[in-house]
N, C-alpha and C. Protein backbone atom coordinates (compact mmCIF):
# COMPACT_ATOMS: atom_id res chain seq x y z
N GLN A 1 90.33 111.71 98.41
CA GLN A 1 91.52 110.92 98.75
C GLN A 1 91.71 109.79 97.75
N VAL A 2 92.95 109.40 97.64
CA VAL A 2 93.31 108.28 96.77
C VAL A 2 93.73 107.11 97.64
N GLN A 3 93.18 105.95 97.37
CA GLN A 3 93.61 104.75 98.08
C GLN A 3 94.44 103.89 97.12
N LEU A 4 95.58 103.44 97.62
CA LEU A 4 96.48 102.61 96.82
C LEU A 4 96.71 101.29 97.54
N VAL A 5 96.57 100.20 96.82
CA VAL A 5 96.77 98.88 97.41
C VAL A 5 97.75 98.10 96.55
N GLU A 6 98.88 97.74 97.17
CA GLU A 6 99.89 96.95 96.48
C GLU A 6 99.63 95.46 96.71
N SER A 7 100.02 94.65 95.76
CA SER A 7 99.93 93.20 95.89
C SER A 7 100.97 92.56 94.99
N GLY A 8 101.20 91.25 95.20
CA GLY A 8 102.11 90.52 94.34
C GLY A 8 103.46 90.20 94.94
N GLY A 9 103.72 90.70 96.13
CA GLY A 9 104.99 90.40 96.77
C GLY A 9 105.07 88.95 97.20
N GLY A 10 106.26 88.53 97.63
CA GLY A 10 106.44 87.17 98.10
C GLY A 10 107.88 86.82 98.29
N LEU A 11 108.12 85.55 98.53
CA LEU A 11 109.47 85.01 98.73
C LEU A 11 109.85 84.20 97.49
N VAL A 12 110.95 84.59 96.85
CA VAL A 12 111.42 83.91 95.66
C VAL A 12 112.92 83.71 95.74
N GLN A 13 113.43 82.83 94.88
CA GLN A 13 114.87 82.63 94.80
C GLN A 13 115.48 83.62 93.82
N ALA A 14 116.76 83.85 93.97
CA ALA A 14 117.48 84.72 93.05
C ALA A 14 117.30 84.24 91.62
N GLY A 15 117.09 85.17 90.71
CA GLY A 15 116.87 84.85 89.31
C GLY A 15 115.41 84.74 88.92
N ALA A 16 114.55 84.66 89.89
CA ALA A 16 113.12 84.51 89.62
C ALA A 16 112.49 85.87 89.27
N SER A 17 111.20 85.82 88.97
CA SER A 17 110.44 87.02 88.60
C SER A 17 109.23 87.17 89.51
N LEU A 18 108.81 88.40 89.66
CA LEU A 18 107.57 88.74 90.35
C LEU A 18 106.94 89.93 89.62
N ARG A 19 105.63 89.99 89.71
CA ARG A 19 104.93 91.17 89.20
C ARG A 19 104.11 91.78 90.33
N LEU A 20 104.45 93.02 90.66
CA LEU A 20 103.70 93.76 91.66
C LEU A 20 102.60 94.57 90.99
N SER A 21 101.49 94.72 91.70
CA SER A 21 100.38 95.52 91.22
C SER A 21 100.08 96.63 92.22
N CYS A 22 99.65 97.76 91.71
CA CYS A 22 99.23 98.89 92.53
C CYS A 22 97.87 99.33 92.01
N ALA A 23 96.83 99.02 92.77
CA ALA A 23 95.47 99.35 92.36
C ALA A 23 95.03 100.63 93.05
N ALA A 24 94.54 101.58 92.26
CA ALA A 24 94.10 102.86 92.80
C ALA A 24 92.58 102.95 92.82
N SER A 25 92.06 103.59 93.86
CA SER A 25 90.63 103.82 93.95
C SER A 25 90.40 105.14 94.65
N GLY A 26 89.13 105.56 94.66
CA GLY A 26 88.80 106.84 95.27
C GLY A 26 88.94 107.97 94.27
N ARG A 27 89.44 109.10 94.72
CA ARG A 27 89.62 110.25 93.84
C ARG A 27 90.65 109.93 92.76
N THR A 28 90.35 110.28 91.54
CA THR A 28 91.29 110.03 90.45
C THR A 28 91.66 111.34 89.79
N PHE A 29 92.81 111.36 89.16
CA PHE A 29 93.33 112.53 88.47
C PHE A 29 93.60 112.14 87.03
N VAL A 30 93.18 113.00 86.11
CA VAL A 30 93.40 112.72 84.70
C VAL A 30 94.88 112.60 84.41
N GLY A 31 95.65 113.53 84.93
CA GLY A 31 97.10 113.48 84.76
C GLY A 31 97.78 113.28 86.10
N HIS A 32 98.69 112.31 86.16
CA HIS A 32 99.45 112.08 87.38
C HIS A 32 100.60 111.15 87.09
N THR A 33 101.44 110.98 88.07
CA THR A 33 102.56 110.05 87.99
C THR A 33 102.42 109.02 89.09
N THR A 34 102.64 107.76 88.76
CA THR A 34 102.69 106.70 89.77
C THR A 34 104.12 106.21 89.87
N GLY A 35 104.59 106.13 91.09
CA GLY A 35 105.96 105.68 91.31
C GLY A 35 106.00 104.45 92.20
N TRP A 36 107.07 103.70 92.05
CA TRP A 36 107.38 102.59 92.96
C TRP A 36 108.65 102.94 93.72
N PHE A 37 108.60 102.73 95.00
CA PHE A 37 109.76 102.91 95.87
C PHE A 37 109.96 101.62 96.66
N ARG A 38 111.14 101.49 97.27
CA ARG A 38 111.37 100.32 98.11
C ARG A 38 112.21 100.72 99.31
N GLN A 39 112.01 99.99 100.39
CA GLN A 39 112.75 100.27 101.62
C GLN A 39 113.20 98.95 102.23
N ALA A 40 114.51 98.78 102.30
CA ALA A 40 115.11 97.63 102.95
C ALA A 40 115.29 97.93 104.43
N PRO A 41 115.38 96.89 105.27
CA PRO A 41 115.54 97.11 106.71
C PRO A 41 116.75 97.98 107.02
N GLY A 42 116.54 99.00 107.82
CA GLY A 42 117.63 99.86 108.24
C GLY A 42 118.10 100.85 107.19
N LYS A 43 117.39 100.92 106.07
CA LYS A 43 117.80 101.83 104.99
C LYS A 43 116.68 102.81 104.65
N GLU A 44 117.05 103.85 103.92
CA GLU A 44 116.07 104.83 103.49
C GLU A 44 115.23 104.26 102.35
N ARG A 45 114.09 104.89 102.13
CA ARG A 45 113.23 104.49 101.03
C ARG A 45 113.80 105.04 99.73
N ASP A 46 113.97 104.16 98.76
CA ASP A 46 114.61 104.52 97.50
C ASP A 46 113.65 104.43 96.32
N PHE A 47 113.87 105.29 95.36
CA PHE A 47 113.10 105.29 94.11
C PHE A 47 113.43 104.04 93.30
N VAL A 48 112.40 103.47 92.67
CA VAL A 48 112.59 102.31 91.81
C VAL A 48 112.20 102.65 90.36
N ALA A 49 110.95 103.12 90.17
CA ALA A 49 110.47 103.40 88.82
C ALA A 49 109.24 104.30 88.91
N ALA A 50 108.93 104.96 87.81
CA ALA A 50 107.76 105.83 87.75
C ALA A 50 107.21 105.84 86.33
N ILE A 51 105.91 106.09 86.23
CA ILE A 51 105.24 106.17 84.94
C ILE A 51 104.20 107.27 85.01
N SER A 52 104.08 108.05 83.94
CA SER A 52 103.13 109.17 83.94
C SER A 52 101.89 108.80 83.14
N ARG A 53 100.81 109.49 83.49
CA ARG A 53 99.57 109.36 82.75
C ARG A 53 99.10 110.77 82.44
N PRO A 54 98.76 111.09 81.20
CA PRO A 54 98.51 110.18 80.08
C PRO A 54 99.70 109.94 79.17
N TYR A 55 100.84 110.59 79.47
CA TYR A 55 101.92 110.58 78.49
C TYR A 55 102.65 109.22 78.40
N GLY A 56 102.61 108.43 79.49
CA GLY A 56 103.26 107.13 79.45
C GLY A 56 104.77 107.18 79.55
N ARG A 57 105.31 108.33 79.95
CA ARG A 57 106.76 108.43 80.12
C ARG A 57 107.17 107.61 81.35
N THR A 58 108.38 107.05 81.29
CA THR A 58 108.85 106.22 82.39
C THR A 58 110.24 106.65 82.84
N ALA A 59 110.57 106.28 84.07
CA ALA A 59 111.90 106.52 84.62
C ALA A 59 112.25 105.34 85.52
N TYR A 60 113.53 105.00 85.58
CA TYR A 60 113.99 103.86 86.38
C TYR A 60 115.24 104.24 87.16
N ALA A 61 115.38 103.62 88.32
CA ALA A 61 116.64 103.70 89.03
C ALA A 61 117.68 102.88 88.27
N ASP A 62 118.93 103.31 88.33
CA ASP A 62 119.99 102.60 87.61
C ASP A 62 120.08 101.14 88.04
N SER A 63 119.80 100.90 89.31
CA SER A 63 119.96 99.54 89.85
C SER A 63 118.96 98.54 89.28
N VAL A 64 117.88 99.03 88.66
CA VAL A 64 116.86 98.11 88.15
C VAL A 64 116.69 98.19 86.64
N LYS A 65 117.38 99.10 85.99
CA LYS A 65 117.26 99.22 84.53
C LYS A 65 117.62 97.92 83.85
N GLY A 66 116.78 97.53 82.89
CA GLY A 66 117.01 96.30 82.16
C GLY A 66 116.43 95.06 82.84
N ARG A 67 116.03 95.20 84.12
CA ARG A 67 115.45 94.06 84.84
C ARG A 67 113.99 94.31 85.21
N PHE A 68 113.64 95.53 85.53
CA PHE A 68 112.29 95.89 85.95
C PHE A 68 111.60 96.68 84.85
N THR A 69 110.30 96.48 84.73
CA THR A 69 109.50 97.23 83.77
C THR A 69 108.23 97.72 84.45
N ILE A 70 107.97 99.02 84.34
CA ILE A 70 106.75 99.59 84.89
C ILE A 70 105.76 99.78 83.75
N SER A 71 104.49 99.48 84.01
CA SER A 71 103.46 99.66 83.00
C SER A 71 102.15 99.98 83.70
N ARG A 72 101.13 100.33 82.90
CA ARG A 72 99.86 100.67 83.51
C ARG A 72 98.71 100.19 82.66
N ASP A 73 97.61 99.89 83.32
CA ASP A 73 96.35 99.55 82.65
C ASP A 73 95.36 100.61 83.10
N ASN A 74 95.12 101.59 82.25
CA ASN A 74 94.28 102.72 82.64
C ASN A 74 92.84 102.29 82.92
N ALA A 75 92.35 101.28 82.20
CA ALA A 75 90.98 100.81 82.41
C ALA A 75 90.81 100.23 83.81
N LYS A 76 91.87 99.66 84.35
CA LYS A 76 91.81 99.05 85.67
C LYS A 76 92.39 99.96 86.76
N ASN A 77 92.84 101.15 86.38
CA ASN A 77 93.50 102.05 87.35
C ASN A 77 94.58 101.32 88.13
N THR A 78 95.35 100.54 87.40
CA THR A 78 96.38 99.72 88.04
C THR A 78 97.72 99.93 87.35
N VAL A 79 98.76 100.02 88.16
CA VAL A 79 100.13 100.12 87.67
C VAL A 79 100.87 98.86 88.10
N TYR A 80 101.68 98.33 87.20
CA TYR A 80 102.41 97.10 87.46
C TYR A 80 103.91 97.34 87.50
N LEU A 81 104.59 96.52 88.24
CA LEU A 81 106.05 96.51 88.23
C LEU A 81 106.49 95.07 88.00
N GLN A 82 106.92 94.79 86.77
CA GLN A 82 107.43 93.47 86.44
C GLN A 82 108.90 93.42 86.81
N MET A 83 109.23 92.49 87.68
CA MET A 83 110.60 92.39 88.19
C MET A 83 111.19 91.06 87.75
N ASN A 84 112.20 91.12 86.92
CA ASN A 84 112.88 89.92 86.43
C ASN A 84 114.30 89.85 86.97
N SER A 85 114.88 88.66 86.90
CA SER A 85 116.27 88.47 87.34
C SER A 85 116.49 89.05 88.73
N LEU A 86 115.61 88.72 89.65
CA LEU A 86 115.68 89.28 90.99
C LEU A 86 116.95 88.87 91.71
N LYS A 87 117.45 89.80 92.51
CA LYS A 87 118.68 89.60 93.28
C LYS A 87 118.37 89.74 94.77
N PRO A 88 119.19 89.16 95.63
CA PRO A 88 118.96 89.32 97.07
C PRO A 88 118.90 90.79 97.50
N GLU A 89 119.64 91.64 96.83
CA GLU A 89 119.63 93.06 97.18
C GLU A 89 118.34 93.78 96.77
N ASP A 90 117.46 93.08 96.07
CA ASP A 90 116.14 93.64 95.76
C ASP A 90 115.17 93.44 96.91
N THR A 91 115.58 92.70 97.92
CA THR A 91 114.72 92.45 99.08
C THR A 91 114.36 93.76 99.78
N ALA A 92 113.07 94.00 99.94
CA ALA A 92 112.59 95.25 100.54
C ALA A 92 111.07 95.21 100.60
N VAL A 93 110.52 96.20 101.30
CA VAL A 93 109.11 96.47 101.18
C VAL A 93 108.94 97.44 100.02
N TYR A 94 108.05 97.11 99.11
CA TYR A 94 107.81 97.93 97.92
C TYR A 94 106.51 98.72 98.10
N TYR A 95 106.62 100.01 97.84
CA TYR A 95 105.48 100.92 97.98
C TYR A 95 105.17 101.56 96.63
N CYS A 96 103.88 101.75 96.36
CA CYS A 96 103.53 102.61 95.24
C CYS A 96 103.00 103.93 95.78
N ALA A 97 103.11 104.95 94.94
CA ALA A 97 102.73 106.29 95.36
C ALA A 97 102.25 107.08 94.15
N VAL A 98 101.44 108.10 94.40
CA VAL A 98 100.90 108.95 93.34
C VAL A 98 101.28 110.40 93.56
N ASP A 99 101.72 111.00 92.47
CA ASP A 99 102.05 112.43 92.42
C ASP A 99 101.09 113.06 91.42
N ARG A 100 100.38 114.11 91.79
CA ARG A 100 99.41 114.72 90.88
C ARG A 100 100.07 115.42 89.69
N ASN A 101 101.36 115.56 89.71
CA ASN A 101 102.08 116.18 88.61
C ASN A 101 102.45 115.12 87.57
N PRO A 102 101.88 115.17 86.36
CA PRO A 102 102.16 114.14 85.35
C PRO A 102 103.45 114.38 84.58
N LEU A 103 104.12 115.49 84.87
CA LEU A 103 105.31 115.85 84.09
C LEU A 103 106.61 115.60 84.84
N ARG A 104 106.54 115.52 86.15
CA ARG A 104 107.76 115.53 86.95
C ARG A 104 108.52 114.20 86.91
N LEU A 105 107.81 113.04 86.91
CA LEU A 105 108.46 111.73 87.05
C LEU A 105 109.40 111.75 88.25
N GLY A 106 108.86 112.18 89.37
CA GLY A 106 109.66 112.40 90.55
C GLY A 106 110.39 111.16 91.04
N GLN A 107 111.60 111.38 91.55
CA GLN A 107 112.41 110.29 92.09
C GLN A 107 112.68 110.46 93.57
N HIS A 108 111.95 111.39 94.19
CA HIS A 108 112.08 111.61 95.62
C HIS A 108 110.74 111.36 96.27
N ASP A 109 110.74 110.73 97.44
CA ASP A 109 109.44 110.41 98.03
C ASP A 109 108.67 111.67 98.41
N SER A 110 109.36 112.79 98.57
CA SER A 110 108.66 114.04 98.87
C SER A 110 107.86 114.56 97.68
N ASP A 111 108.09 114.00 96.49
CA ASP A 111 107.33 114.41 95.30
C ASP A 111 105.92 113.82 95.30
N TYR A 112 105.64 112.85 96.13
CA TYR A 112 104.40 112.07 96.07
C TYR A 112 103.50 112.35 97.26
N GLU A 113 102.21 112.47 96.96
CA GLU A 113 101.24 112.82 98.01
C GLU A 113 100.54 111.62 98.62
N TYR A 114 100.34 110.58 97.83
CA TYR A 114 99.56 109.44 98.29
C TYR A 114 100.41 108.17 98.23
N TRP A 115 100.26 107.33 99.26
CA TRP A 115 101.08 106.13 99.40
C TRP A 115 100.22 104.93 99.76
N GLY A 116 100.67 103.76 99.28
CA GLY A 116 100.07 102.50 99.71
C GLY A 116 100.77 101.99 100.96
N GLN A 117 100.32 100.84 101.42
CA GLN A 117 100.84 100.26 102.66
C GLN A 117 102.08 99.40 102.43
N GLY A 118 102.33 99.03 101.20
CA GLY A 118 103.54 98.28 100.90
C GLY A 118 103.31 96.78 100.78
N THR A 119 104.19 96.14 100.04
CA THR A 119 104.18 94.68 99.92
C THR A 119 105.61 94.18 100.00
N GLN A 120 105.81 93.10 100.76
CA GLN A 120 107.15 92.59 101.02
C GLN A 120 107.63 91.74 99.86
N VAL A 121 108.85 92.01 99.44
CA VAL A 121 109.53 91.16 98.45
C VAL A 121 110.81 90.65 99.10
N THR A 122 110.96 89.34 99.13
CA THR A 122 112.16 88.74 99.71
C THR A 122 112.78 87.81 98.67
N VAL A 123 114.06 88.05 98.39
CA VAL A 123 114.78 87.25 97.39
C VAL A 123 115.89 86.51 98.11
N SER A 124 115.83 85.19 98.06
CA SER A 124 116.85 84.39 98.72
C SER A 124 117.96 84.02 97.74
N SER A 125 119.14 83.83 98.27
CA SER A 125 120.30 83.52 97.42
C SER A 125 120.46 82.03 97.23
C-alpha cells in the first residue's frame, strides 16, 4: 500500500501564496503519476495538476495555469504544489493521489488508486 500525507494548507488572503506538500511512504513504484485534486463544498472533486515519474511531464487545469506549479523531489518521495496569486475560488480541500501509470497524466479521479486525506486551503477576499 501507498500512504500519502498532504500538508501546507491554511487560511490566506487573496493574492497570497501557499505551497502544498504530498509525502509518500510505503510501497513505491518506479514509474507513476502524482496528481492534485481539489473539492469545494457542495462541488465535485476537480483535477488541478499532475506530474509523472520518471519522465517529469506535467499537466494543469486551465483554471490554475500560470499560477500553480507542480514539482517533485524524488529523494524525498514528495510532490509539491506551489500556488501563487490565490483567489477565493481556489478555496477547497486539496488531495494528492497516485496513479501507477506514468504515461497517462490522468485528469479524472478514477485514474488514481491511492489518495491522501486532504488539506484545507481557504482564501479570503
